[in-house]
Amino acid sequence: MLLRVARSTGICNGRRALHQAELEELYQFECHDRGWIPRKWAAVGRELARLPGVRRTKPWLNGQRITVYTIAPTDGDVVDLAAARRRA
């Protein structure tokens, strides 16, 4: 759900790196909008990093480590392949 929302809103154009705070804010907003009880970010971030097309890195910025997620754009070929498999 979070990846779909991030891609549809254009927040992750291309392979733009997103700071954890940006994704966490989007997650909190979506949970509030859908009436869900939000989970702690540590659990959400762990599962998010396991998804294909998402890469979590921890670079240094001004002497502090930050968490950054790079979300790859959806590939039309993969979607077409999945649709072809369903038809077969």
PDB file of N, CA and C in Angstrom:
ATOM      1  N   MET A   1       0.809  -1.176   0.000  1.00  0.00           N
ATOM      2  CA  MET A   1       0.000   0.000   0.000  1.00  0.00           C
ATOM      3  C   MET A   1       0.867   1.259   0.000  1.00  0.00           C
ATOM      4  N   LEU A   2       1.871   1.306   0.835  1.00  0.00           N
ATOM      5  CA  LEU A   2       2.716   2.489   0.945  1.00  0.00           C
ATOM      6  C   LEU A   2       3.471   2.767  -0.357  1.00  0.00           C
ATOM      7  N   LEU A   3       3.972   1.716  -0.998  1.00  0.00           N
ATOM      8  CA  LEU A   3       4.673   1.910  -2.266  1.00  0.00           C
ATOM      9  C   LEU A   3       3.732   2.430  -3.338  1.00  0.00           C
ATOM     10  N   ARG A   4       2.531   1.878  -3.394  1.00  0.00           N
ATOM     11  CA  ARG A   4       1.557   2.306  -4.400  1.00  0.00           C
ATOM     12  C   ARG A   4       1.213   3.778  -4.212  1.00  0.00           C
ATOM     13  N   VAL A   5       1.011   4.191  -2.978  1.00  0.00           N
ATOM     14  CA  VAL A   5       0.681   5.583  -2.689  1.00  0.00           C
ATOM     15  C   VAL A   5       1.867   6.490  -3.026  1.00  0.00           C
ATOM     16  N   ALA A   6       3.061   6.073  -2.659  1.00  0.00           N
ATOM     17  CA  ALA A   6       4.255   6.879  -2.938  1.00  0.00           C
ATOM     18  C   ALA A   6       4.458   7.050  -4.441  1.00  0.00           C
ATOM     19  N   ARG A   7       4.224   5.990  -5.201  1.00  0.00           N
ATOM     20  CA  ARG A   7       4.384   6.085  -6.652  1.00  0.00           C
ATOM     21  C   ARG A   7       3.263   6.903  -7.285  1.00  0.00           C
ATOM     22  N   SER A   8       2.036   6.743  -6.817  1.00  0.00           N
ATOM     23  CA  SER A   8       0.910   7.453  -7.429  1.00  0.00           C
ATOM     24  C   SER A   8       0.933   8.945  -7.120  1.00  0.00           C
ATOM     25  N   THR A   9       1.454   9.332  -5.979  1.00  0.00           N
ATOM     26  CA  THR A   9       1.537  10.754  -5.640  1.00  0.00           C
ATOM     27  C   THR A   9       2.735  11.424  -6.290  1.00  0.00           C
ATOM     28  N   GLY A  10       3.639  10.633  -6.846  1.00  0.00           N
ATOM     29  CA  GLY A  10       4.809  11.197  -7.502  1.00  0.00           C
ATOM     30  C   GLY A  10       5.922  11.557  -6.538  1.00  0.00           C
ATOM     31  N   ILE A  11       5.802  11.116  -5.301  1.00  0.00           N
ATOM     32  CA  ILE A  11       6.816  11.439  -4.296  1.00  0.00           C
ATOM     33  C   ILE A  11       8.147  10.746  -4.603  1.00  0.00           C
ATOM     34  N   CYS A  12       8.106   9.636  -5.330  1.00  0.00           N
ATOM     35  CA  CYS A  12       9.349   8.910  -5.634  1.00  0.00           C
ATOM     36  C   CYS A  12       9.560   8.848  -7.143  1.00  0.00           C
ATOM     37  N   ASN A  13       9.706   9.996  -7.757  1.00  0.00           N
ATOM     38  CA  ASN A  13       9.937  10.056  -9.205  1.00  0.00           C
ATOM     39  C   ASN A  13      11.249   9.379  -9.561  1.00  0.00           C
ATOM     40  N   GLY A  14      11.168   8.401 -10.412  1.00  0.00           N
ATOM     41  CA  GLY A  14      12.366   7.677 -10.814  1.00  0.00           C
ATOM     42  C   GLY A  14      12.965   6.913  -9.658  1.00  0.00           C
ATOM     43  N   ARG A  15      14.272   7.081  -9.448  1.00  0.00           N
ATOM     44  CA  ARG A  15      14.940   6.394  -8.352  1.00  0.00           C
ATOM     45  C   ARG A  15      15.338   7.397  -7.281  1.00  0.00           C
ATOM     46  N   ARG A  16      14.491   8.361  -7.014  1.00  0.00           N
ATOM     47  CA  ARG A  16      14.781   9.379  -6.016  1.00  0.00           C
ATOM     48  C   ARG A  16      14.856   8.748  -4.634  1.00  0.00           C
ATOM     49  N   ALA A  17      15.842   9.125  -3.886  1.00  0.00           N
ATOM     50  CA  ALA A  17      15.996   8.616  -2.524  1.00  0.00           C
ATOM     51  C   ALA A  17      15.074   9.402  -1.604  1.00  0.00           C
ATOM     52  N   LEU A  18      14.332   8.671  -0.774  1.00  0.00           N
ATOM     53  CA  LEU A  18      13.407   9.289   0.157  1.00  0.00           C
ATOM     54  C   LEU A  18      13.904   9.097   1.581  1.00  0.00           C
ATOM     55  N   HIS A  19      13.916  10.162   2.322  1.00  0.00           N
ATOM     56  CA  HIS A  19      14.307  10.090   3.727  1.00  0.00           C
ATOM     57  C   HIS A  19      13.213   9.355   4.498  1.00  0.00           C
ATOM     58  N   GLN A  20      13.614   8.660   5.519  1.00  0.00           N
ATOM     59  CA  GLN A  20      12.672   7.886   6.330  1.00  0.00           C
ATOM     60  C   GLN A  20      11.528   8.763   6.834  1.00  0.00           C
ATOM     61  N   ALA A  21      11.810   9.990   7.215  1.00  0.00           N
ATOM     62  CA  ALA A  21      10.781  10.879   7.755  1.00  0.00           C
ATOM     63  C   ALA A  21       9.687  11.155   6.730  1.00  0.00           C
ATOM     64  N   GLU A  22      10.065  11.264   5.440  1.00  0.00           N
ATOM     65  CA  GLU A  22       9.068  11.491   4.397  1.00  0.00           C
ATOM     66  C   GLU A  22       8.109  10.306   4.279  1.00  0.00           C
ATOM     67  N   LEU A  23       8.675   9.111   4.252  1.00  0.00           N
ATOM     68  CA  LEU A  23       7.839   7.917   4.152  1.00  0.00           C
ATOM     69  C   LEU A  23       7.019   7.696   5.414  1.00  0.00           C
ATOM     70  N   GLU A  24       7.597   7.987   6.552  1.00  0.00           N
ATOM     71  CA  GLU A  24       6.880   7.811   7.811  1.00  0.00           C
ATOM     72  C   GLU A  24       5.683   8.769   7.883  1.00  0.00           C
ATOM     73  N   GLU A  25       5.881   9.989   7.419  1.00  0.00           N
ATOM     74  CA  GLU A  25       4.788  10.960   7.399  1.00  0.00           C
ATOM     75  C   GLU A  25       3.683  10.518   6.444  1.00  0.00           C
ATOM     76  N   LEU A  26       4.063  10.014   5.275  1.00  0.00           N
ATOM     77  CA  LEU A  26       3.090   9.501   4.312  1.00  0.00           C
ATOM     78  C   LEU A  26       2.326   8.318   4.903  1.00  0.00           C
ATOM     79  N   TYR A  27       3.025   7.444   5.603  1.00  0.00           N
ATOM     80  CA  TYR A  27       2.400   6.283   6.234  1.00  0.00           C
ATOM     81  C   TYR A  27       1.387   6.719   7.295  1.00  0.00           C
ATOM     82  N   GLN A  28       1.772   7.664   8.147  1.00  0.00           N
ATOM     83  CA  GLN A  28       0.870   8.156   9.184  1.00  0.00           C
ATOM     84  C   GLN A  28      -0.377   8.787   8.567  1.00  0.00           C
ATOM     85  N   PHE A  29      -0.197   9.555   7.504  1.00  0.00           N
ATOM     86  CA  PHE A  29      -1.320  10.194   6.821  1.00  0.00           C
ATOM     87  C   PHE A  29      -2.265   9.145   6.235  1.00  0.00           C
ATOM     88  N   GLU A  30      -1.711   8.138   5.571  1.00  0.00           N
ATOM     89  CA  GLU A  30      -2.538   7.094   4.961  1.00  0.00           C
ATOM     90  C   GLU A  30      -3.294   6.293   6.023  1.00  0.00           C
ATOM     91  N   CYS A  31      -2.646   5.986   7.116  1.00  0.00           N
ATOM     92  CA  CYS A  31      -3.323   5.257   8.198  1.00  0.00           C
ATOM     93  C   CYS A  31      -4.484   6.084   8.752  1.00  0.00           C
ATOM     94  N   HIS A  32      -4.246   7.371   8.953  1.00  0.00           N
ATOM     95  CA  HIS A  32      -5.304   8.241   9.455  1.00  0.00           C
ATOM     96  C   HIS A  32      -6.440   8.345   8.440  1.00  0.00           C
ATOM     97  N   ASP A  33      -6.081   8.481   7.170  1.00  0.00           N
ATOM     98  CA  ASP A  33      -7.072   8.617   6.104  1.00  0.00           C
ATOM     99  C   ASP A  33      -7.941   7.363   5.965  1.00  0.00           C
ATOM    100  N   ARG A  34      -7.354   6.192   6.171  1.00  0.00           N
ATOM    101  CA  ARG A  34      -8.078   4.930   6.023  1.00  0.00           C
ATOM    102  C   ARG A  34      -8.676   4.418   7.330  1.00  0.00           C
ATOM    103  N   GLY A  35      -8.389   5.103   8.430  1.00  0.00           N
ATOM    104  CA  GLY A  35      -8.925   4.689   9.717  1.00  0.00           C
ATOM    105  C   GLY A  35      -8.210   3.489  10.316  1.00  0.00           C
ATOM    106  N   TRP A  36      -6.953   3.312   9.956  1.00  0.00           N
ATOM    107  CA  TRP A  36      -6.157   2.200  10.471  1.00  0.00           C
ATOM    108  C   TRP A  36      -5.365   2.657  11.684  1.00  0.00           C
ATOM    109  N   ILE A  37      -5.038   1.717  12.548  1.00  0.00           N
ATOM    110  CA  ILE A  37      -4.148   2.001  13.664  1.00  0.00           C
ATOM    111  C   ILE A  37      -2.716   1.845  13.146  1.00  0.00           C
ATOM    112  N   PRO A  38      -1.928   2.918  13.196  1.00  0.00           N
ATOM    113  CA  PRO A  38      -0.565   2.817  12.659  1.00  0.00           C
ATOM    114  C   PRO A  38       0.336   1.942  13.527  1.00  0.00           C
ATOM    115  N   ARG A  39       1.210   1.216  12.871  1.00  0.00           N
ATOM    116  CA  ARG A  39       2.209   0.403  13.564  1.00  0.00           C
ATOM    117  C   ARG A  39       3.464   1.243  13.767  1.00  0.00           C
ATOM    118  N   LYS A  40       4.360   0.750  14.603  1.00  0.00           N
ATOM    119  CA  LYS A  40       5.623   1.461  14.812  1.00  0.00           C
ATOM    120  C   LYS A  40       6.438   1.404  13.523  1.00  0.00           C
ATOM    121  N   TRP A  41       7.171   2.479  13.259  1.00  0.00           N
ATOM    122  CA  TRP A  41       7.879   2.582  11.995  1.00  0.00           C
ATOM    123  C   TRP A  41       8.954   1.506  11.836  1.00  0.00           C
ATOM    124  N   ALA A  42       9.555   1.072  12.919  1.00  0.00           N
ATOM    125  CA  ALA A  42      10.611   0.058  12.812  1.00  0.00           C
ATOM    126  C   ALA A  42      10.083  -1.191  12.108  1.00  0.00           C
ATOM    127  N   ALA A  43       8.869  -1.609  12.433  1.00  0.00           N
ATOM    128  CA  ALA A  43       8.284  -2.791  11.799  1.00  0.00           C
ATOM    129  C   ALA A  43       7.911  -2.508  10.343  1.00  0.00           C
ATOM    130  N   VAL A  44       7.370  -1.341  10.088  1.00  0.00           N
ATOM    131  CA  VAL A  44       6.972  -0.978   8.721  1.00  0.00           C
ATOM    132  C   VAL A  44       8.210  -0.849   7.834  1.00  0.00           C
ATOM    133  N   GLY A  45       9.226  -0.162   8.328  1.00  0.00           N
ATOM    134  CA  GLY A  45      10.453   0.029   7.558  1.00  0.00           C
ATOM    135  C   GLY A  45      11.168  -1.276   7.261  1.00  0.00           C
ATOM    136  N   ARG A  46      11.158  -2.201   8.210  1.00  0.00           N
ATOM    137  CA  ARG A  46      11.793  -3.509   8.008  1.00  0.00           C
ATOM    138  C   ARG A  46      11.108  -4.258   6.869  1.00  0.00           C
ATOM    139  N   GLU A  47       9.778  -4.272   6.884  1.00  0.00           N
ATOM    140  CA  GLU A  47       9.035  -4.973   5.837  1.00  0.00           C
ATOM    141  C   GLU A  47       9.154  -4.251   4.492  1.00  0.00           C
ATOM    142  N   LEU A  48       9.195  -2.938   4.532  1.00  0.00           N
ATOM    143  CA  LEU A  48       9.341  -2.159   3.304  1.00  0.00           C
ATOM    144  C   LEU A  48      10.666  -2.475   2.623  1.00  0.00           C
ATOM    145  N   ALA A  49      11.724  -2.594   3.397  1.00  0.00           N
ATOM    146  CA  ALA A  49      13.050  -2.873   2.842  1.00  0.00           C
ATOM    147  C   ALA A  49      13.137  -4.265   2.229  1.00  0.00           C
ATOM    148  N   ARG A  50      12.254  -5.171   2.619  1.00  0.00           N
ATOM    149  CA  ARG A  50      12.261  -6.527   2.065  1.00  0.00           C
ATOM    150  C   ARG A  50      11.573  -6.620   0.704  1.00  0.00           C
ATOM    151  N   LEU A  51      10.815  -5.612   0.339  1.00  0.00           N
ATOM    152  CA  LEU A  51      10.072  -5.658  -0.919  1.00  0.00           C
ATOM    153  C   LEU A  51      11.012  -5.484  -2.111  1.00  0.00           C
ATOM    154  N   PRO A  52      10.698  -6.149  -3.227  1.00  0.00           N
ATOM    155  CA  PRO A  52      11.529  -5.960  -4.420  1.00  0.00           C
ATOM    156  C   PRO A  52      11.367  -4.530  -4.944  1.00  0.00           C
ATOM    157  N   GLY A  53      12.449  -3.958  -5.378  1.00  0.00           N
ATOM    158  CA  GLY A  53      12.416  -2.601  -5.901  1.00  0.00           C
ATOM    159  C   GLY A  53      12.656  -1.534  -4.855  1.00  0.00           C
ATOM    160  N   VAL A  54      12.883  -1.950  -3.604  1.00  0.00           N
ATOM    161  CA  VAL A  54      13.154  -0.993  -2.524  1.00  0.00           C
ATOM    162  C   VAL A  54      14.525  -1.300  -1.952  1.00  0.00           C
ATOM    163  N   ARG A  55      15.336  -0.263  -1.826  1.00  0.00           N
ATOM    164  CA  ARG A  55      16.662  -0.435  -1.248  1.00  0.00           C
ATOM    165  C   ARG A  55      16.830   0.551  -0.097  1.00  0.00           C
ATOM    166  N   ARG A  56      17.206   0.041   1.050  1.00  0.00           N
ATOM    167  CA  ARG A  56      17.420   0.894   2.228  1.00  0.00           C
ATOM    168  C   ARG A  56      18.918   1.077   2.420  1.00  0.00           C
ATOM    169  N   THR A  57      19.321   2.311   2.556  1.00  0.00           N
ATOM    170  CA  THR A  57      20.720   2.627   2.835  1.00  0.00           C
ATOM    171  C   THR A  57      20.772   3.535   4.054  1.00  0.00           C
ATOM    172  N   LYS A  58      21.953   3.590   4.662  1.00  0.00           N
ATOM    173  CA  LYS A  58      22.146   4.429   5.850  1.00  0.00           C
ATOM    174  C   LYS A  58      23.394   5.288   5.670  1.00  0.00           C
ATOM    175  N   PRO A  59      23.280   6.342   4.858  1.00  0.00           N
ATOM    176  CA  PRO A  59      24.445   7.214   4.647  1.00  0.00           C
ATOM    177  C   PRO A  59      24.643   8.180   5.824  1.00  0.00           C
ATOM    178  N   TRP A  60      25.809   8.784   5.841  1.00  0.00           N
ATOM    179  CA  TRP A  60      26.125   9.786   6.854  1.00  0.00           C
ATOM    180  C   TRP A  60      25.787  11.163   6.295  1.00  0.00           C
ATOM    181  N   LEU A  61      25.159  12.007   7.118  1.00  0.00           N
ATOM    182  CA  LEU A  61      24.835  13.370   6.733  1.00  0.00           C
ATOM    183  C   LEU A  61      25.110  14.276   7.927  1.00  0.00           C
ATOM    184  N   ASN A  62      26.052  15.173   7.771  1.00  0.00           N
ATOM    185  CA  ASN A  62      26.431  16.105   8.839  1.00  0.00           C
ATOM    186  C   ASN A  62      26.784  15.377  10.136  1.00  0.00           C
ATOM    187  N   GLY A  63      27.503  14.287  10.015  1.00  0.00           N
ATOM    188  CA  GLY A  63      27.957  13.550  11.180  1.00  0.00           C
ATOM    189  C   GLY A  63      26.922  12.624  11.801  1.00  0.00           C
ATOM    190  N   GLN A  64      25.762  12.486  11.170  1.00  0.00           N
ATOM    191  CA  GLN A  64      24.734  11.586  11.688  1.00  0.00           C
ATOM    192  C   GLN A  64      24.315  10.614  10.598  1.00  0.00           C
ATOM    193  N   ARG A  65      23.983   9.402  11.025  1.00  0.00           N
ATOM    194  CA  ARG A  65      23.479   8.412  10.069  1.00  0.00           C
ATOM    195  C   ARG A  65      21.992   8.629   9.886  1.00  0.00           C
ATOM    196  N   ILE A  66      21.580   8.621   8.628  1.00  0.00           N
ATOM    197  CA  ILE A  66      20.161   8.735   8.325  1.00  0.00           C
ATOM    198  C   ILE A  66      19.744   7.509   7.535  1.00  0.00           C
ATOM    199  N   THR A  67      18.451   7.208   7.532  1.00  0.00           N
ATOM    200  CA  THR A  67      17.935   6.087   6.759  1.00  0.00           C
ATOM    201  C   THR A  67      17.251   6.631   5.516  1.00  0.00           C
ATOM    202  N   VAL A  68      17.664   6.106   4.372  1.00  0.00           N
ATOM    203  CA  VAL A  68      17.140   6.553   3.089  1.00  0.00           C
ATOM    204  C   VAL A  68      16.632   5.341   2.322  1.00  0.00           C
ATOM    205  N   TYR A  69      15.465   5.462   1.728  1.00  0.00           N
ATOM    206  CA  TYR A  69      14.875   4.399   0.914  1.00  0.00           C
ATOM    207  C   TYR A  69      14.875   4.843  -0.536  1.00  0.00           C
ATOM    208  N   THR A  70      15.375   3.986  -1.408  1.00  0.00           N
ATOM    209  CA  THR A  70      15.325   4.234  -2.843  1.00  0.00           C
ATOM    210  C   THR A  70      14.296   3.285  -3.419  1.00  0.00           C
ATOM    211  N   ILE A  71      13.276   3.846  -4.042  1.00  0.00           N
ATOM    212  CA  ILE A  71      12.179   3.052  -4.582  1.00  0.00           C
ATOM    213  C   ILE A  71      12.251   3.097  -6.103  1.00  0.00           C
ATOM    214  N   ALA A  72      12.457   1.946  -6.694  1.00  0.00           N
ATOM    215  CA  ALA A  72      12.558   1.856  -8.146  1.00  0.00           C
ATOM    216  C   ALA A  72      11.175   2.041  -8.769  1.00  0.00           C
ATOM    217  N   PRO A  73      11.125   2.654  -9.943  1.00  0.00           N
ATOM    218  CA  PRO A  73       9.826   2.795 -10.604  1.00  0.00           C
ATOM    219  C   PRO A  73       9.309   1.437 -11.052  1.00  0.00           C
ATOM    220  N   THR A  74       7.999   1.347 -11.211  1.00  0.00           N
ATOM    221  CA  THR A  74       7.435   0.090 -11.691  1.00  0.00           C
ATOM    222  C   THR A  74       7.866  -0.108 -13.126  1.00  0.00           C
ATOM    223  N   ASP A  75       8.134  -1.320 -13.456  1.00  0.00           N
ATOM    224  CA  ASP A  75       8.574  -1.651 -14.801  1.00  0.00           C
ATOM    225  C   ASP A  75       7.389  -2.234 -15.557  1.00  0.00           C
ATOM    226  N   GLY A  76       7.026  -1.618 -16.659  1.00  0.00           N
ATOM    227  CA  GLY A  76       5.885  -2.076 -17.444  1.00  0.00           C
ATOM    228  C   GLY A  76       6.036  -3.505 -17.923  1.00  0.00           C
ATOM    229  N   ASP A  77       7.279  -3.936 -18.190  1.00  0.00           N
ATOM    230  CA  ASP A  77       7.501  -5.301 -18.659  1.00  0.00           C
ATOM    231  C   ASP A  77       7.122  -6.325 -17.603  1.00  0.00           C
ATOM    232  N   VAL A  78       7.418  -6.032 -16.353  1.00  0.00           N
ATOM    233  CA  VAL A  78       7.085  -6.951 -15.267  1.00  0.00           C
ATOM    234  C   VAL A  78       5.572  -7.054 -15.120  1.00  0.00           C
ATOM    235  N   VAL A  79       4.892  -5.930 -15.223  1.00  0.00           N
ATOM    236  CA  VAL A  79       3.438  -5.925 -15.122  1.00  0.00           C
ATOM    237  C   VAL A  79       2.830  -6.700 -16.274  1.00  0.00           C
ATOM    238  N   ASP A  80       3.359  -6.499 -17.496  1.00  0.00           N
ATOM    239  CA  ASP A  80       2.860  -7.226 -18.658  1.00  0.00           C
ATOM    240  C   ASP A  80       3.097  -8.720 -18.512  1.00  0.00           C
ATOM    241  N   LEU A  81       4.247  -9.107 -17.965  1.00  0.00           N
ATOM    242  CA  LEU A  81       4.554 -10.524 -17.769  1.00  0.00           C
ATOM    243  C   LEU A  81       3.583 -11.149 -16.772  1.00  0.00           C
ATOM    244  N   ALA A  82       3.287 -10.443 -15.687  1.00  0.00           N
ATOM    245  CA  ALA A  82       2.350 -10.949 -14.705  1.00  0.00           C
ATOM    246  C   ALA A  82       0.951 -11.090 -15.300  1.00  0.00           C
ATOM    247  N   ALA A  83       0.544 -10.140 -16.117  1.00  0.00           N
ATOM    248  CA  ALA A  83      -0.769 -10.224 -16.753  1.00  0.00           C
ATOM    249  C   ALA A  83      -0.834 -11.392 -17.734  1.00  0.00           C
ATOM    250  N   ALA A  84       0.251 -11.629 -18.452  1.00  0.00           N
ATOM    251  CA  ALA A  84       0.293 -12.744 -19.410  1.00  0.00           C
ATOM    252  C   ALA A  84       0.225 -14.075 -18.675  1.00  0.00           C
ATOM    253  N   ARG A  85       0.865 -14.176 -17.535  1.00  0.00           N
ATOM    254  CA  ARG A  85       0.818 -15.425 -16.754  1.00  0.00           C
ATOM    255  C   ARG A  85      -0.586 -15.702 -16.222  1.00  0.00           C
ATOM    256  N   ARG A  86      -1.279 -14.655 -15.847  1.00  0.00           N
ATOM    257  CA  ARG A  86      -2.653 -14.842 -15.354  1.00  0.00           C
ATOM    258  C   ARG A  86      -3.589 -15.312 -16.465  1.00  0.00           C
ATOM    259  N   ARG A  87      -3.359 -14.830 -17.670  1.00  0.00           N
ATOM    260  CA  ARG A  87      -4.212 -15.221 -18.807  1.00  0.00           C
ATOM    261  C   ARG A  87      -3.950 -16.664 -19.224  1.00  0.00           C
ATOM    262  N   ALA A  88      -2.733 -17.130 -19.014  1.00  0.00           N
ATOM    263  CA  ALA A  88      -2.353 -18.485 -19.466  1.00  0.00           C
ATOM    264  C   ALA A  88      -2.921 -19.561 -18.591  1.00  0.00           C
TER     265      ALA A  88
END
